[in-house]
Each structure stands twice: as C-alpha cells, then as structure tokens.
Amino acid sequence: MPFPEDKLVYDYVWDVETKDWKSWHETISEYVVDVKKAYSEIVVPTLDSIRMKWLMRSLLSANKHVMIPGPTGTGKSVYVTQLLQQEMPDDFQALQMTFSAQTSASQA
C-alpha cells in the first residue's frame, strides 16, 4: 500500500483491520471537554500524545519495559498516569512513584 504523500510518516498509523493508513486522530474517539472537571484536570489529546500513548500501550501489552525521556513540563507524567489508570486493561496495575532532581538514591 503506497504511503500518503501529503504528510510525514509520523502523521499516520497503519490500520491492520482496514489495511490502510490512518491519521492518528482517527484512532481515538472525538474529544469532548468534560465541563465538570477543573481547568487543570483537562487533558486535550494532541498528535504527540496520541502517538506516545499508542506506543506505550503496544509495548506494555507485549510485556516490554517503557522509558519516556524528554524535557520537563511536556506532559510525560500526565500521559503515563492517564494511560495506566484509565485506558489499560484491568490486569494492569499502576504504582506511582514521584522522583525529582532532589531525590537521592537513598530515598528511592
């Protein structure tokens, strides 16, 4: 199947069922803001977050370890927490530990 030429390879995912390229936004349901949530609790899916969560879900489902590197403040912890607590099957259990630049090896 030829690759769509209008965008980059990172903008698409291969859909095994339809045997066609899909935009990442087509892989999730339409996002609707929950008006009952506080502003700080609203997480709007972006192209990057959809891709990252898809990759994490695929690796975790295959019993592989996942490390998410990146700059501070880019939402890594938010996306990981959201995936593990809300989107993974019930046989996955999340244990959250917070580390920072101030955490020492003796505290871990």
PDB file of N, CA and C in Angstrom:
ATOM      1  N   MET A   1       0.852  -1.172   0.000  1.00  0.00           N
ATOM      2  CA  MET A   1       0.000   0.000   0.000  1.00  0.00           C
ATOM      3  C   MET A   1       0.895   1.231   0.000  1.00  0.00           C
ATOM      4  N   PRO A   2       0.751   2.105  -0.963  1.00  0.00           N
ATOM      5  CA  PRO A   2       1.591   3.300  -1.019  1.00  0.00           C
ATOM      6  C   PRO A   2       1.325   4.233   0.158  1.00  0.00           C
ATOM      7  N   PHE A   3       2.365   4.897   0.581  1.00  0.00           N
ATOM      8  CA  PHE A   3       2.265   5.822   1.706  1.00  0.00           C
ATOM      9  C   PHE A   3       1.716   7.159   1.225  1.00  0.00           C
ATOM     10  N   PRO A   4       0.813   7.791   1.986  1.00  0.00           N
ATOM     11  CA  PRO A   4       0.288   9.108   1.587  1.00  0.00           C
ATOM     12  C   PRO A   4       1.420  10.124   1.470  1.00  0.00           C
ATOM     13  N   GLU A   5       1.400  10.899   0.429  1.00  0.00           N
ATOM     14  CA  GLU A   5       2.499  11.821   0.156  1.00  0.00           C
ATOM     15  C   GLU A   5       2.291  13.217   0.743  1.00  0.00           C
ATOM     16  N   ASP A   6       1.090  13.509   1.247  1.00  0.00           N
ATOM     17  CA  ASP A   6       0.821  14.878   1.694  1.00  0.00           C
ATOM     18  C   ASP A   6       1.412  15.218   3.062  1.00  0.00           C
ATOM     19  N   LYS A   7       1.803  14.224   3.862  1.00  0.00           N
ATOM     20  CA  LYS A   7       2.365  14.483   5.189  1.00  0.00           C
ATOM     21  C   LYS A   7       3.553  13.556   5.431  1.00  0.00           C
ATOM     22  N   LEU A   8       4.091  13.598   6.657  1.00  0.00           N
ATOM     23  CA  LEU A   8       5.230  12.769   7.027  1.00  0.00           C
ATOM     24  C   LEU A   8       4.770  11.399   7.523  1.00  0.00           C
ATOM     25  N   VAL A   9       5.686  10.466   7.574  1.00  0.00           N
ATOM     26  CA  VAL A   9       5.382   9.120   8.045  1.00  0.00           C
ATOM     27  C   VAL A   9       4.889   9.143   9.491  1.00  0.00           C
ATOM     28  N   TYR A  10       5.319  10.111  10.282  1.00  0.00           N
ATOM     29  CA  TYR A  10       4.931  10.208  11.687  1.00  0.00           C
ATOM     30  C   TYR A  10       3.482  10.646  11.874  1.00  0.00           C
ATOM     31  N   ASP A  11       2.853  11.115  10.818  1.00  0.00           N
ATOM     32  CA  ASP A  11       1.477  11.601  10.905  1.00  0.00           C
ATOM     33  C   ASP A  11       0.442  10.501  10.697  1.00  0.00           C
ATOM     34  N   TYR A  12       0.893   9.281  10.414  1.00  0.00           N
ATOM     35  CA  TYR A  12      -0.022   8.182  10.105  1.00  0.00           C
ATOM     36  C   TYR A  12       0.325   6.922  10.882  1.00  0.00           C
ATOM     37  N   VAL A  13      -0.674   6.076  11.024  1.00  0.00           N
ATOM     38  CA  VAL A  13      -0.511   4.747  11.601  1.00  0.00           C
ATOM     39  C   VAL A  13      -1.171   3.755  10.636  1.00  0.00           C
ATOM     40  N   TRP A  14      -0.587   2.575  10.544  1.00  0.00           N
ATOM     41  CA  TRP A  14      -1.140   1.539   9.680  1.00  0.00           C
ATOM     42  C   TRP A  14      -2.265   0.829  10.426  1.00  0.00           C
ATOM     43  N   ASP A  15      -3.439   0.798   9.826  1.00  0.00           N
ATOM     44  CA  ASP A  15      -4.585   0.101  10.406  1.00  0.00           C
ATOM     45  C   ASP A  15      -4.625  -1.300   9.823  1.00  0.00           C
ATOM     46  N   VAL A  16      -4.391  -2.296  10.667  1.00  0.00           N
ATOM     47  CA  VAL A  16      -4.320  -3.683  10.211  1.00  0.00           C
ATOM     48  C   VAL A  16      -5.681  -4.171   9.717  1.00  0.00           C
ATOM     49  N   GLU A  17      -6.749  -3.736  10.382  1.00  0.00           N
ATOM     50  CA  GLU A  17      -8.083  -4.196  10.001  1.00  0.00           C
ATOM     51  C   GLU A  17      -8.506  -3.690   8.630  1.00  0.00           C
ATOM     52  N   THR A  18      -8.319  -2.394   8.365  1.00  0.00           N
ATOM     53  CA  THR A  18      -8.752  -1.831   7.085  1.00  0.00           C
ATOM     54  C   THR A  18      -7.657  -1.883   6.030  1.00  0.00           C
ATOM     55  N   LYS A  19      -6.453  -2.233   6.456  1.00  0.00           N
ATOM     56  CA  LYS A  19      -5.285  -2.291   5.570  1.00  0.00           C
ATOM     57  C   LYS A  19      -5.093  -0.955   4.833  1.00  0.00           C
ATOM     58  N   ASP A  20      -5.051   0.097   5.649  1.00  0.00           N
ATOM     59  CA  ASP A  20      -4.910   1.433   5.096  1.00  0.00           C
ATOM     60  C   ASP A  20      -4.224   2.332   6.120  1.00  0.00           C
ATOM     61  N   TRP A  21      -3.649   3.430   5.632  1.00  0.00           N
ATOM     62  CA  TRP A  21      -3.035   4.419   6.509  1.00  0.00           C
ATOM     63  C   TRP A  21      -4.120   5.289   7.115  1.00  0.00           C
ATOM     64  N   LYS A  22      -4.013   5.573   8.414  1.00  0.00           N
ATOM     65  CA  LYS A  22      -4.973   6.436   9.099  1.00  0.00           C
ATOM     66  C   LYS A  22      -4.224   7.554   9.792  1.00  0.00           C
ATOM     67  N   SER A  23      -4.862   8.689   9.883  1.00  0.00           N
ATOM     68  CA  SER A  23      -4.340   9.773  10.699  1.00  0.00           C
ATOM     69  C   SER A  23      -4.449   9.343  12.158  1.00  0.00           C
ATOM     70  N   TRP A  24      -3.513   9.769  12.987  1.00  0.00           N
ATOM     71  CA  TRP A  24      -3.542   9.398  14.412  1.00  0.00           C
ATOM     72  C   TRP A  24      -4.846   9.841  15.064  1.00  0.00           C
ATOM     73  N   HIS A  25      -5.381  10.970  14.663  1.00  0.00           N
ATOM     74  CA  HIS A  25      -6.623  11.458  15.267  1.00  0.00           C
ATOM     75  C   HIS A  25      -7.802  10.556  14.969  1.00  0.00           C
ATOM     76  N   GLU A  26      -7.723   9.764  13.909  1.00  0.00           N
ATOM     77  CA  GLU A  26      -8.793   8.830  13.583  1.00  0.00           C
ATOM     78  C   GLU A  26      -8.784   7.599  14.486  1.00  0.00           C
ATOM     79  N   THR A  27      -7.737   7.413  15.265  1.00  0.00           N
ATOM     80  CA  THR A  27      -7.619   6.227  16.115  1.00  0.00           C
ATOM     81  C   THR A  27      -8.261   6.416  17.482  1.00  0.00           C
ATOM     82  N   ILE A  28      -8.698   7.627  17.794  1.00  0.00           N
ATOM     83  CA  ILE A  28      -9.342   7.887  19.081  1.00  0.00           C
ATOM     84  C   ILE A  28     -10.740   8.427  18.848  1.00  0.00           C
ATOM     85  N   SER A  29     -11.563   8.322  19.880  1.00  0.00           N
ATOM     86  CA  SER A  29     -12.914   8.880  19.752  1.00  0.00           C
ATOM     87  C   SER A  29     -12.840  10.400  19.838  1.00  0.00           C
ATOM     88  N   GLU A  30     -13.886  11.050  19.369  1.00  0.00           N
ATOM     89  CA  GLU A  30     -13.917  12.509  19.365  1.00  0.00           C
ATOM     90  C   GLU A  30     -13.796  13.034  20.788  1.00  0.00           C
ATOM     91  N   TYR A  31     -12.945  14.027  20.978  1.00  0.00           N
ATOM     92  CA  TYR A  31     -12.717  14.582  22.306  1.00  0.00           C
ATOM     93  C   TYR A  31     -13.784  15.620  22.641  1.00  0.00           C
ATOM     94  N   VAL A  32     -14.395  15.449  23.797  1.00  0.00           N
ATOM     95  CA  VAL A  32     -15.388  16.396  24.288  1.00  0.00           C
ATOM     96  C   VAL A  32     -14.936  16.820  25.686  1.00  0.00           C
ATOM     97  N   VAL A  33     -14.863  18.118  25.921  1.00  0.00           N
ATOM     98  CA  VAL A  33     -14.426  18.633  27.218  1.00  0.00           C
ATOM     99  C   VAL A  33     -15.495  18.343  28.266  1.00  0.00           C
ATOM    100  N   ASP A  34     -15.075  17.739  29.372  1.00  0.00           N
ATOM    101  CA  ASP A  34     -15.967  17.481  30.495  1.00  0.00           C
ATOM    102  C   ASP A  34     -16.069  18.771  31.306  1.00  0.00           C
ATOM    103  N   VAL A  35     -17.204  19.443  31.237  1.00  0.00           N
ATOM    104  CA  VAL A  35     -17.365  20.747  31.887  1.00  0.00           C
ATOM    105  C   VAL A  35     -17.346  20.646  33.409  1.00  0.00           C
ATOM    106  N   LYS A  36     -17.459  19.443  33.948  1.00  0.00           N
ATOM    107  CA  LYS A  36     -17.430  19.256  35.399  1.00  0.00           C
ATOM    108  C   LYS A  36     -16.000  19.222  35.946  1.00  0.00           C
ATOM    109  N   LYS A  37     -15.023  19.035  35.073  1.00  0.00           N
ATOM    110  CA  LYS A  37     -13.635  18.980  35.504  1.00  0.00           C
ATOM    111  C   LYS A  37     -13.074  20.378  35.719  1.00  0.00           C
ATOM    112  N   ALA A  38     -12.110  20.440  36.626  1.00  0.00           N
ATOM    113  CA  ALA A  38     -11.385  21.697  36.825  1.00  0.00           C
ATOM    114  C   ALA A  38     -10.501  21.936  35.609  1.00  0.00           C
ATOM    115  N   TYR A  39     -10.192  23.191  35.364  1.00  0.00           N
ATOM    116  CA  TYR A  39      -9.362  23.544  34.207  1.00  0.00           C
ATOM    117  C   TYR A  39      -8.043  22.769  34.209  1.00  0.00           C
ATOM    118  N   SER A  40      -7.450  22.611  35.389  1.00  0.00           N
ATOM    119  CA  SER A  40      -6.152  21.921  35.493  1.00  0.00           C
ATOM    120  C   SER A  40      -6.260  20.420  35.240  1.00  0.00           C
ATOM    121  N   GLU A  41      -7.449  19.862  35.233  1.00  0.00           N
ATOM    122  CA  GLU A  41      -7.651  18.432  35.004  1.00  0.00           C
ATOM    123  C   GLU A  41      -7.937  18.092  33.540  1.00  0.00           C
ATOM    124  N   ILE A  42      -8.114  19.096  32.710  1.00  0.00           N
ATOM    125  CA  ILE A  42      -8.452  18.872  31.305  1.00  0.00           C
ATOM    126  C   ILE A  42      -7.179  18.554  30.522  1.00  0.00           C
ATOM    127  N   VAL A  43      -7.184  17.409  29.852  1.00  0.00           N
ATOM    128  CA  VAL A  43      -6.045  16.993  29.029  1.00  0.00           C
ATOM    129  C   VAL A  43      -6.562  16.774  27.607  1.00  0.00           C
ATOM    130  N   VAL A  44      -6.191  17.666  26.705  1.00  0.00           N
ATOM    131  CA  VAL A  44      -6.637  17.592  25.314  1.00  0.00           C
ATOM    132  C   VAL A  44      -5.658  16.731  24.527  1.00  0.00           C
ATOM    133  N   PRO A  45      -6.138  15.691  23.842  1.00  0.00           N
ATOM    134  CA  PRO A  45      -5.225  14.847  23.072  1.00  0.00           C
ATOM    135  C   PRO A  45      -4.607  15.607  21.894  1.00  0.00           C
ATOM    136  N   THR A  46      -3.304  15.444  21.744  1.00  0.00           N
ATOM    137  CA  THR A  46      -2.580  16.042  20.626  1.00  0.00           C
ATOM    138  C   THR A  46      -1.988  14.919  19.783  1.00  0.00           C
ATOM    139  N   LEU A  47      -1.474  15.266  18.639  1.00  0.00           N
ATOM    140  CA  LEU A  47      -0.831  14.272  17.779  1.00  0.00           C
ATOM    141  C   LEU A  47       0.285  13.547  18.534  1.00  0.00           C
ATOM    142  N   ASP A  48       1.100  14.304  19.261  1.00  0.00           N
ATOM    143  CA  ASP A  48       2.209  13.703  20.013  1.00  0.00           C
ATOM    144  C   ASP A  48       1.716  12.804  21.140  1.00  0.00           C
ATOM    145  N   SER A  49       0.703  13.245  21.865  1.00  0.00           N
ATOM    146  CA  SER A  49       0.214  12.427  22.986  1.00  0.00           C
ATOM    147  C   SER A  49      -0.456  11.147  22.494  1.00  0.00           C
ATOM    148  N   ILE A  50      -1.178  11.227  21.388  1.00  0.00           N
ATOM    149  CA  ILE A  50      -1.833  10.038  20.828  1.00  0.00           C
ATOM    150  C   ILE A  50      -0.784   9.018  20.404  1.00  0.00           C
ATOM    151  N   ARG A  51       0.254   9.486  19.710  1.00  0.00           N
ATOM    152  CA  ARG A  51       1.331   8.582  19.275  1.00  0.00           C
ATOM    153  C   ARG A  51       2.046   7.967  20.468  1.00  0.00           C
ATOM    154  N   MET A  52       2.383   8.804  21.470  1.00  0.00           N
ATOM    155  CA  MET A  52       3.131   8.314  22.623  1.00  0.00           C
ATOM    156  C   MET A  52       2.322   7.275  23.402  1.00  0.00           C
ATOM    157  N   LYS A  53       1.035   7.552  23.615  1.00  0.00           N
ATOM    158  CA  LYS A  53       0.211   6.600  24.351  1.00  0.00           C
ATOM    159  C   LYS A  53      -0.006   5.318  23.554  1.00  0.00           C
ATOM    160  N   TRP A  54      -0.114   5.398  22.247  1.00  0.00           N
ATOM    161  CA  TRP A  54      -0.257   4.194  21.416  1.00  0.00           C
ATOM    162  C   TRP A  54       0.994   3.327  21.536  1.00  0.00           C
ATOM    163  N   LEU A  55       2.153   3.961  21.469  1.00  0.00           N
ATOM    164  CA  LEU A  55       3.400   3.224  21.575  1.00  0.00           C
ATOM    165  C   LEU A  55       3.558   2.602  22.964  1.00  0.00           C
ATOM    166  N   MET A  56       3.258   3.366  24.011  1.00  0.00           N
ATOM    167  CA  MET A  56       3.329   2.821  25.372  1.00  0.00           C
ATOM    168  C   MET A  56       2.376   1.645  25.537  1.00  0.00           C
ATOM    169  N   ARG A  57       1.131   1.798  25.081  1.00  0.00           N
ATOM    170  CA  ARG A  57       0.138   0.731  25.192  1.00  0.00           C
ATOM    171  C   ARG A  57       0.606  -0.524  24.466  1.00  0.00           C
ATOM    172  N   SER A  58       1.166  -0.358  23.276  1.00  0.00           N
ATOM    173  CA  SER A  58       1.646  -1.505  22.495  1.00  0.00           C
ATOM    174  C   SER A  58       2.783  -2.223  23.207  1.00  0.00           C
ATOM    175  N   LEU A  59       3.738  -1.453  23.730  1.00  0.00           N
ATOM    176  CA  LEU A  59       4.876  -2.058  24.426  1.00  0.00           C
ATOM    177  C   LEU A  59       4.448  -2.735  25.721  1.00  0.00           C
ATOM    178  N   LEU A  60       3.631  -2.060  26.521  1.00  0.00           N
ATOM    179  CA  LEU A  60       3.179  -2.654  27.780  1.00  0.00           C
ATOM    180  C   LEU A  60       2.346  -3.909  27.542  1.00  0.00           C
ATOM    181  N   SER A  61       1.515  -3.902  26.520  1.00  0.00           N
ATOM    182  CA  SER A  61       0.701  -5.075  26.197  1.00  0.00           C
ATOM    183  C   SER A  61       1.562  -6.252  25.760  1.00  0.00           C
ATOM    184  N   ALA A  62       2.753  -5.968  25.250  1.00  0.00           N
ATOM    185  CA  ALA A  62       3.690  -7.016  24.840  1.00  0.00           C
ATOM    186  C   ALA A  62       4.692  -7.334  25.964  1.00  0.00           C
ATOM    187  N   ASN A  63       4.391  -6.876  27.191  1.00  0.00           N
ATOM    188  CA  ASN A  63       5.233  -7.103  28.369  1.00  0.00           C
ATOM    189  C   ASN A  63       6.648  -6.566  28.205  1.00  0.00           C
ATOM    190  N   LYS A  64       6.759  -5.399  27.591  1.00  0.00           N
ATOM    191  CA  LYS A  64       8.051  -4.739  27.413  1.00  0.00           C
ATOM    192  C   LYS A  64       8.147  -3.550  28.359  1.00  0.00           C
ATOM    193  N   HIS A  65       9.363  -3.248  28.794  1.00  0.00           N
ATOM    194  CA  HIS A  65       9.590  -2.087  29.645  1.00  0.00           C
ATOM    195  C   HIS A  65       9.526  -0.820  28.798  1.00  0.00           C
ATOM    196  N   VAL A  66       9.114   0.282  29.418  1.00  0.00           N
ATOM    197  CA  VAL A  66       8.978   1.543  28.703  1.00  0.00           C
ATOM    198  C   VAL A  66       9.685   2.637  29.498  1.00  0.00           C
ATOM    199  N   MET A  67      10.488   3.426  28.810  1.00  0.00           N
ATOM    200  CA  MET A  67      11.114   4.597  29.411  1.00  0.00           C
ATOM    201  C   MET A  67      10.741   5.798  28.551  1.00  0.00           C
ATOM    202  N   ILE A  68      10.228   6.844  29.181  1.00  0.00           N
ATOM    203  CA  ILE A  68       9.776   8.024  28.459  1.00  0.00           C
ATOM    204  C   ILE A  68      10.692   9.195  28.802  1.00  0.00           C
ATOM    205  N   PRO A  69      11.696   9.449  27.986  1.00  0.00           N
ATOM    206  CA  PRO A  69      12.571  10.593  28.245  1.00  0.00           C
ATOM    207  C   PRO A  69      12.000  11.865  27.624  1.00  0.00           C
ATOM    208  N   GLY A  70      12.472  13.000  28.090  1.00  0.00           N
ATOM    209  CA  GLY A  70      12.060  14.256  27.498  1.00  0.00           C
ATOM    210  C   GLY A  70      12.203  15.402  28.464  1.00  0.00           C
ATOM    211  N   PRO A  71      12.089  16.609  27.951  1.00  0.00           N
ATOM    212  CA  PRO A  71      12.236  17.798  28.786  1.00  0.00           C
ATOM    213  C   PRO A  71      11.143  17.903  29.858  1.00  0.00           C
ATOM    214  N   THR A  72      11.439  18.617  30.911  1.00  0.00           N
ATOM    215  CA  THR A  72      10.485  18.875  31.984  1.00  0.00           C
ATOM    216  C   THR A  72       9.297  19.677  31.462  1.00  0.00           C
ATOM    217  N   GLY A  73       8.115  19.321  31.940  1.00  0.00           N
ATOM    218  CA  GLY A  73       6.923  20.106  31.626  1.00  0.00           C
ATOM    219  C   GLY A  73       6.259  19.780  30.310  1.00  0.00           C
ATOM    220  N   THR A  74       6.573  18.639  29.708  1.00  0.00           N
ATOM    221  CA  THR A  74       5.965  18.301  28.419  1.00  0.00           C
ATOM    222  C   THR A  74       4.775  17.360  28.551  1.00  0.00           C
ATOM    223  N   GLY A  75       4.418  16.977  29.779  1.00  0.00           N
ATOM    224  CA  GLY A  75       3.228  16.152  29.985  1.00  0.00           C
ATOM    225  C   GLY A  75       3.478  14.659  30.077  1.00  0.00           C
ATOM    226  N   LYS A  76       4.726  14.241  30.164  1.00  0.00           N
ATOM    227  CA  LYS A  76       5.021  12.800  30.204  1.00  0.00           C
ATOM    228  C   LYS A  76       4.282  12.104  31.345  1.00  0.00           C
ATOM    229  N   SER A  77       4.396  12.641  32.549  1.00  0.00           N
ATOM    230  CA  SER A  77       3.756  12.018  33.722  1.00  0.00           C
ATOM    231  C   SER A  77       2.242  12.009  33.583  1.00  0.00           C
ATOM    232  N   VAL A  78       1.682  13.073  33.043  1.00  0.00           N
ATOM    233  CA  VAL A  78       0.229  13.162  32.864  1.00  0.00           C
ATOM    234  C   VAL A  78      -0.251  12.075  31.908  1.00  0.00           C
ATOM    235  N   TYR A  79       0.432  11.909  30.788  1.00  0.00           N
ATOM    236  CA  TYR A  79       0.016  10.924  29.790  1.00  0.00           C
ATOM    237  C   TYR A  79       0.199   9.498  30.296  1.00  0.00           C
ATOM    238  N   VAL A  80       1.298   9.240  30.989  1.00  0.00           N
ATOM    239  CA  VAL A  80       1.537   7.900  31.529  1.00  0.00           C
ATOM    240  C   VAL A  80       0.471   7.569  32.564  1.00  0.00           C
ATOM    241  N   THR A  81       0.195   8.501  33.474  1.00  0.00           N
ATOM    242  CA  THR A  81      -0.821   8.289  34.505  1.00  0.00           C
ATOM    243  C   THR A  81      -2.189   8.056  33.874  1.00  0.00           C
ATOM    244  N   GLN A  82      -2.534   8.875  32.900  1.00  0.00           N
ATOM    245  CA  GLN A  82      -3.824   8.738  32.221  1.00  0.00           C
ATOM    246  C   GLN A  82      -3.939   7.370  31.550  1.00  0.00           C
ATOM    247  N   LEU A  83      -2.897   6.942  30.878  1.00  0.00           N
ATOM    248  CA  LEU A  83      -2.915   5.646  30.199  1.00  0.00           C
ATOM    249  C   LEU A  83      -3.058   4.516  31.204  1.00  0.00           C
ATOM    250  N   LEU A  84      -2.220   4.504  32.237  1.00  0.00           N
ATOM    251  CA  LEU A  84      -2.219   3.391  33.181  1.00  0.00           C
ATOM    252  C   LEU A  84      -3.481   3.329  34.033  1.00  0.00           C
ATOM    253  N   GLN A  85      -4.022   4.463  34.417  1.00  0.00           N
ATOM    254  CA  GLN A  85      -5.175   4.455  35.317  1.00  0.00           C
ATOM    255  C   GLN A  85      -6.512   4.372  34.597  1.00  0.00           C
ATOM    256  N   GLN A  86      -6.568   4.785  33.335  1.00  0.00           N
ATOM    257  CA  GLN A  86      -7.869   4.866  32.676  1.00  0.00           C
ATOM    258  C   GLN A  86      -7.997   4.050  31.403  1.00  0.00           C
ATOM    259  N   GLU A  87      -6.886   3.721  30.752  1.00  0.00           N
ATOM    260  CA  GLU A  87      -7.008   3.164  29.408  1.00  0.00           C
ATOM    261  C   GLU A  87      -6.451   1.755  29.235  1.00  0.00           C
ATOM    262  N   MET A  88      -5.761   1.240  30.244  1.00  0.00           N
ATOM    263  CA  MET A  88      -5.204  -0.106  30.118  1.00  0.00           C
ATOM    264  C   MET A  88      -6.206  -1.130  30.644  1.00  0.00           C
ATOM    265  N   PRO A  89      -6.086  -2.386  30.183  1.00  0.00           N
ATOM    266  CA  PRO A  89      -6.997  -3.435  30.690  1.00  0.00           C
ATOM    267  C   PRO A  89      -6.854  -3.605  32.205  1.00  0.00           C
ATOM    268  N   ASP A  90      -7.844  -4.239  32.819  1.00  0.00           N
ATOM    269  CA  ASP A  90      -7.876  -4.402  34.271  1.00  0.00           C
ATOM    270  C   ASP A  90      -6.725  -5.238  34.822  1.00  0.00           C
ATOM    271  N   ASP A  91      -6.076  -6.056  33.992  1.00  0.00           N
ATOM    272  CA  ASP A  91      -4.976  -6.876  34.503  1.00  0.00           C
ATOM    273  C   ASP A  91      -3.679  -6.080  34.682  1.00  0.00           C
ATOM    274  N   PHE A  92      -3.689  -4.784  34.372  1.00  0.00           N
ATOM    275  CA  PHE A  92      -2.557  -3.895  34.631  1.00  0.00           C
ATOM    276  C   PHE A  92      -2.834  -3.121  35.904  1.00  0.00           C
ATOM    277  N   GLN A  93      -1.805  -3.015  36.745  1.00  0.00           N
ATOM    278  CA  GLN A  93      -1.948  -2.263  37.982  1.00  0.00           C
ATOM    279  C   GLN A  93      -0.888  -1.174  38.016  1.00  0.00           C
ATOM    280  N   ALA A  94      -1.292   0.049  38.306  1.00  0.00           N
ATOM    281  CA  ALA A  94      -0.361   1.173  38.329  1.00  0.00           C
ATOM    282  C   ALA A  94       0.111   1.451  39.741  1.00  0.00           C
ATOM    283  N   LEU A  95       1.399   1.635  39.889  1.00  0.00           N
ATOM    284  CA  LEU A  95       2.009   2.050  41.150  1.00  0.00           C
ATOM    285  C   LEU A  95       2.810   3.297  40.836  1.00  0.00           C
ATOM    286  N   GLN A  96       2.387   4.422  41.372  1.00  0.00           N
ATOM    287  CA  GLN A  96       3.012   5.696  41.018  1.00  0.00           C
ATOM    288  C   GLN A  96       4.028   6.113  42.072  1.00  0.00           C
ATOM    289  N   MET A  97       5.258   6.410  41.618  1.00  0.00           N
ATOM    290  CA  MET A  97       6.313   6.929  42.476  1.00  0.00           C
ATOM    291  C   MET A  97       6.849   8.188  41.816  1.00  0.00           C
ATOM    292  N   THR A  98       7.007   9.236  42.593  1.00  0.00           N
ATOM    293  CA  THR A  98       7.465  10.500  42.040  1.00  0.00           C
ATOM    294  C   THR A  98       8.914  10.756  42.439  1.00  0.00           C
ATOM    295  N   PHE A  99       9.748  11.039  41.448  1.00  0.00           N
ATOM    296  CA  PHE A  99      11.138  11.383  41.672  1.00  0.00           C
ATOM    297  C   PHE A  99      11.382  12.766  41.085  1.00  0.00           C
ATOM    298  N   SER A 100      12.359  13.447  41.615  1.00  0.00           N
ATOM    299  CA  SER A 100      12.724  14.752  41.077  1.00  0.00           C
ATOM    300  C   SER A 100      14.242  14.889  41.125  1.00  0.00           C
ATOM    301  N   ALA A 101      14.717  16.046  40.727  1.00  0.00           N
ATOM    302  CA  ALA A 101      16.146  16.307  40.784  1.00  0.00           C
ATOM    303  C   ALA A 101      16.648  16.306  42.213  1.00  0.00           C
ATOM    304  N   GLN A 102      15.744  16.475  43.173  1.00  0.00           N
ATOM    305  CA  GLN A 102      16.118  16.492  44.589  1.00  0.00           C
ATOM    306  C   GLN A 102      16.112  15.102  45.213  1.00  0.00           C
ATOM    307  N   THR A 103      15.610  14.085  44.506  1.00  0.00           N
ATOM    308  CA  THR A 103      15.550  12.718  45.031  1.00  0.00           C
ATOM    309  C   THR A 103      16.933  12.101  45.022  1.00  0.00           C
ATOM    310  N   SER A 104      17.353  11.535  46.166  1.00  0.00           N
ATOM    311  CA  SER A 104      18.662  10.871  46.231  1.00  0.00           C
ATOM    312  C   SER A 104      18.474   9.363  46.125  1.00  0.00           C
ATOM    313  N   ALA A 105      19.556   8.658  45.892  1.00  0.00           N
ATOM    314  CA  ALA A 105      19.491   7.204  45.749  1.00  0.00           C
ATOM    315  C   ALA A 105      19.039   6.560  47.048  1.00  0.00           C
ATOM    316  N   SER A 106      19.376   7.116  48.206  1.00  0.00           N
ATOM    317  CA  SER A 106      18.969   6.538  49.474  1.00  0.00           C
ATOM    318  C   SER A 106      17.486   6.729  49.740  1.00  0.00           C
ATOM    319  N   GLN A 107      16.865   7.677  49.081  1.00  0.00           N
ATOM    320  CA  GLN A 107      15.421   7.895  49.255  1.00  0.00           C
ATOM    321  C   GLN A 107      14.596   6.991  48.360  1.00  0.00           C
ATOM    322  N   ALA A 108      15.197   6.488  47.297  1.00  0.00           N
ATOM    323  CA  ALA A 108      14.453   5.715  46.293  1.00  0.00           C
ATOM    324  C   ALA A 108      14.148   4.325  46.744  1.00  0.00           C
TER     325      ALA A 108
END
